[in-house]
């Protein structure tokens, strides 16, 4: 059994989001993701893992190429293996509880709009070419959360 108090595990950093793995079980892990206002994740996927985010406090917007969802306390989002997604935090600190499970937790990043000058790694470009992903950039959001 794993047991944690999320508020005791949180740690915030104004220069970047903080992800902290709390524990691992078989083919998965549990972690907290701590976000300062308006921080944005990379646009990424986990080809061989499902990723679930539960919003404990704060909130923001989760986006994929096909849709977007506002995430508020008590809400959660499930990303199936291989789904490209990006989280944009809202105006307050956010604490997300994350569970990943699958054969491999590795991620591939297509874009990171909050990091000017960022470019994908060659291995990420190769993955997206093999996966048939033609457009790596997620269109800018109509409005920020």
Protein backbone atom coordinates (compact mmCIF):
# COMPACT_ATOMS: atom_id res chain seq x y z
CA UNK A 1 0.00 0.00 0.00
CA UNK A 2 1.10 3.54 -0.75
CA UNK A 3 -0.20 6.38 1.40
CA UNK A 4 0.44 10.11 0.99
CA UNK A 5 -0.95 13.47 2.04
CA UNK A 6 -0.88 15.52 -1.16
CA UNK A 7 -0.55 18.87 0.59
CA UNK A 8 2.51 17.58 2.45
CA UNK A 9 4.11 16.51 -0.84
CA UNK A 10 3.62 19.74 -2.78
CA UNK A 11 6.54 21.94 -3.82
CA UNK A 12 6.29 24.95 -6.10
CA UNK A 13 8.95 26.64 -8.23
CA UNK A 14 8.27 29.88 -10.14
CA UNK A 15 10.78 28.94 -12.86
CA UNK A 16 9.22 25.55 -13.79
CA UNK A 17 6.48 23.12 -12.88
CA UNK A 18 7.49 20.51 -10.33
CA UNK A 19 6.69 16.83 -10.79
CA UNK A 20 7.51 14.50 -7.92
CA UNK A 21 7.05 10.74 -8.15
CA UNK A 22 5.64 9.57 -4.83
CA UNK A 23 5.73 5.85 -5.43
CA UNK A 24 5.79 3.05 -7.97
CA UNK A 25 3.61 -0.04 -8.16
CA UNK A 26 4.11 -2.75 -10.78
CA UNK A 27 3.67 -1.02 -14.14
CA UNK A 28 2.77 2.45 -12.89
CA UNK A 29 3.56 5.38 -10.67
CA UNK A 30 1.80 8.06 -8.65
CA UNK A 31 3.03 11.63 -8.45
CA UNK A 32 2.15 15.22 -7.71
CA UNK A 33 2.50 17.98 -10.28
CA UNK A 34 2.75 21.49 -8.85
CA UNK A 35 2.15 24.53 -11.04
CA UNK A 36 2.65 28.23 -10.49
CA UNK A 37 0.19 30.58 -12.23
CA UNK A 38 0.22 30.42 -16.05
CA UNK A 39 2.94 27.76 -16.38
CA UNK A 40 2.54 25.58 -19.48
CA UNK A 41 3.61 21.97 -19.94
CA UNK A 42 5.34 20.68 -23.03
CA UNK A 43 3.01 19.31 -25.71
CA UNK A 44 3.89 15.65 -25.26
CA UNK A 45 2.68 12.06 -25.19
CA UNK A 46 3.46 8.76 -23.51
CA UNK A 47 3.24 6.16 -26.30
CA UNK A 48 3.06 3.16 -23.98
CA UNK A 49 1.33 4.56 -20.89
CA UNK A 50 -2.03 5.94 -19.84
CA UNK A 51 -1.80 9.19 -17.86
CA UNK A 52 -4.51 10.37 -15.46
CA UNK A 53 -4.55 13.81 -13.82
CA UNK A 54 -6.81 14.63 -10.85
CA UNK A 55 -7.06 18.30 -9.85
CA UNK A 56 -6.73 18.71 -6.09
CA UNK A 57 -6.52 22.53 -6.01
CA UNK A 58 -6.27 25.38 -8.51
CA UNK A 59 -7.01 24.49 -12.10
CA UNK A 60 -6.27 25.16 -15.73
CA UNK A 61 -6.91 23.84 -19.21
CA UNK A 62 -5.86 20.52 -20.72
CA UNK A 63 -5.64 20.51 -24.51
CA UNK A 64 -5.20 17.97 -27.25
CA UNK A 65 -5.34 18.63 -30.98
CA UNK A 66 -9.00 17.54 -31.02
CA UNK A 67 -10.38 19.10 -27.84
CA UNK A 68 -9.81 21.04 -24.65
CA UNK A 69 -11.17 20.72 -21.13
CA UNK A 70 -11.13 23.09 -18.20
CA UNK A 71 -9.81 21.23 -15.16
CA UNK A 72 -11.02 22.36 -11.72
CA UNK A 73 -10.77 20.88 -8.21
CA UNK A 74 -12.44 17.49 -8.16
CA UNK A 75 -12.09 17.04 -11.93
CA UNK A 76 -9.81 14.66 -13.75
CA UNK A 77 -8.56 13.93 -17.27
CA UNK A 78 -7.48 10.60 -18.76
CA UNK A 79 -4.99 10.50 -21.64
CA UNK A 80 -4.77 7.14 -23.44
CA UNK A 81 -1.37 5.94 -24.64
CA UNK A 82 0.05 8.13 -27.40
CA UNK A 83 -2.34 11.08 -27.01
CA UNK A 84 -0.48 14.39 -27.39
CA UNK A 85 -1.53 16.85 -24.67
CA UNK A 86 -0.62 20.15 -23.01
CA UNK A 87 -1.68 21.66 -19.68
CA UNK A 88 -1.88 25.42 -19.15
CA UNK A 89 -2.25 26.44 -15.54
CA UNK A 90 -4.74 29.15 -14.60
CA UNK A 91 -4.20 32.23 -12.41
CA UNK A 92 -3.62 30.34 -9.12
CA UNK A 93 -1.23 27.66 -7.92
CA UNK A 94 -2.40 24.21 -8.95
CA UNK A 95 -1.80 20.82 -7.38
CA UNK A 96 -2.50 17.84 -9.61
CA UNK A 97 -2.33 14.19 -8.59
CA UNK A 98 -1.07 12.07 -11.49
CA UNK A 99 -1.19 8.33 -12.10
CA UNK A 100 0.61 6.72 -15.03
CA UNK A 101 0.44 3.06 -15.90
CA UNK A 102 1.59 1.00 -18.83
CA UNK A 103 4.60 -0.71 -20.33
CA UNK A 104 6.86 2.37 -20.34
CA UNK A 105 6.47 5.87 -18.84
CA UNK A 106 8.80 7.50 -21.39
CA UNK A 107 7.47 10.60 -23.12
CA UNK A 108 8.07 12.31 -26.44
CA UNK A 109 7.76 16.08 -26.70
CA UNK A 110 6.51 17.75 -29.87
CA UNK A 111 6.48 21.42 -28.78
CA UNK A 112 6.89 23.66 -25.74
CA UNK A 113 5.40 27.06 -26.44
CA UNK A 114 6.40 28.50 -23.06
CA UNK A 115 10.10 27.88 -23.77
CA UNK A 116 11.25 30.24 -26.56
CA UNK A 117 13.84 28.65 -28.82
CA UNK A 118 13.01 25.12 -27.69
CA UNK A 119 13.44 22.42 -30.35
CA UNK A 120 12.50 18.72 -30.30
CA UNK A 121 15.18 16.11 -29.67
CA UNK A 122 16.15 13.98 -32.70
CA UNK A 123 14.67 10.87 -31.05
CA UNK A 124 11.36 12.69 -30.54
CA UNK A 125 11.30 13.81 -34.17
CA UNK A 126 12.00 10.23 -35.26
CA UNK A 127 9.16 8.93 -33.05
CA UNK A 128 6.65 11.41 -34.46
CA UNK A 129 7.72 10.62 -38.05
CA UNK A 130 7.19 6.88 -37.39
CA UNK A 131 3.84 7.64 -35.73
CA UNK A 132 2.70 9.68 -38.74
CA UNK A 133 2.32 12.96 -36.81
CA UNK A 134 2.72 15.66 -39.46
CA UNK A 135 2.03 18.79 -37.38
CA UNK A 136 4.05 19.00 -34.17
CA UNK A 137 2.85 22.39 -32.92
CA UNK A 138 -0.47 22.69 -31.12
CA UNK A 139 -2.33 25.76 -32.41
CA UNK A 140 -2.31 28.62 -29.88
CA UNK A 141 -5.28 28.62 -27.52
CA UNK A 142 -8.14 31.01 -28.26
CA UNK A 143 -7.79 32.29 -24.71
CA UNK A 144 -5.74 31.36 -21.68
CA UNK A 145 -7.49 29.96 -18.59
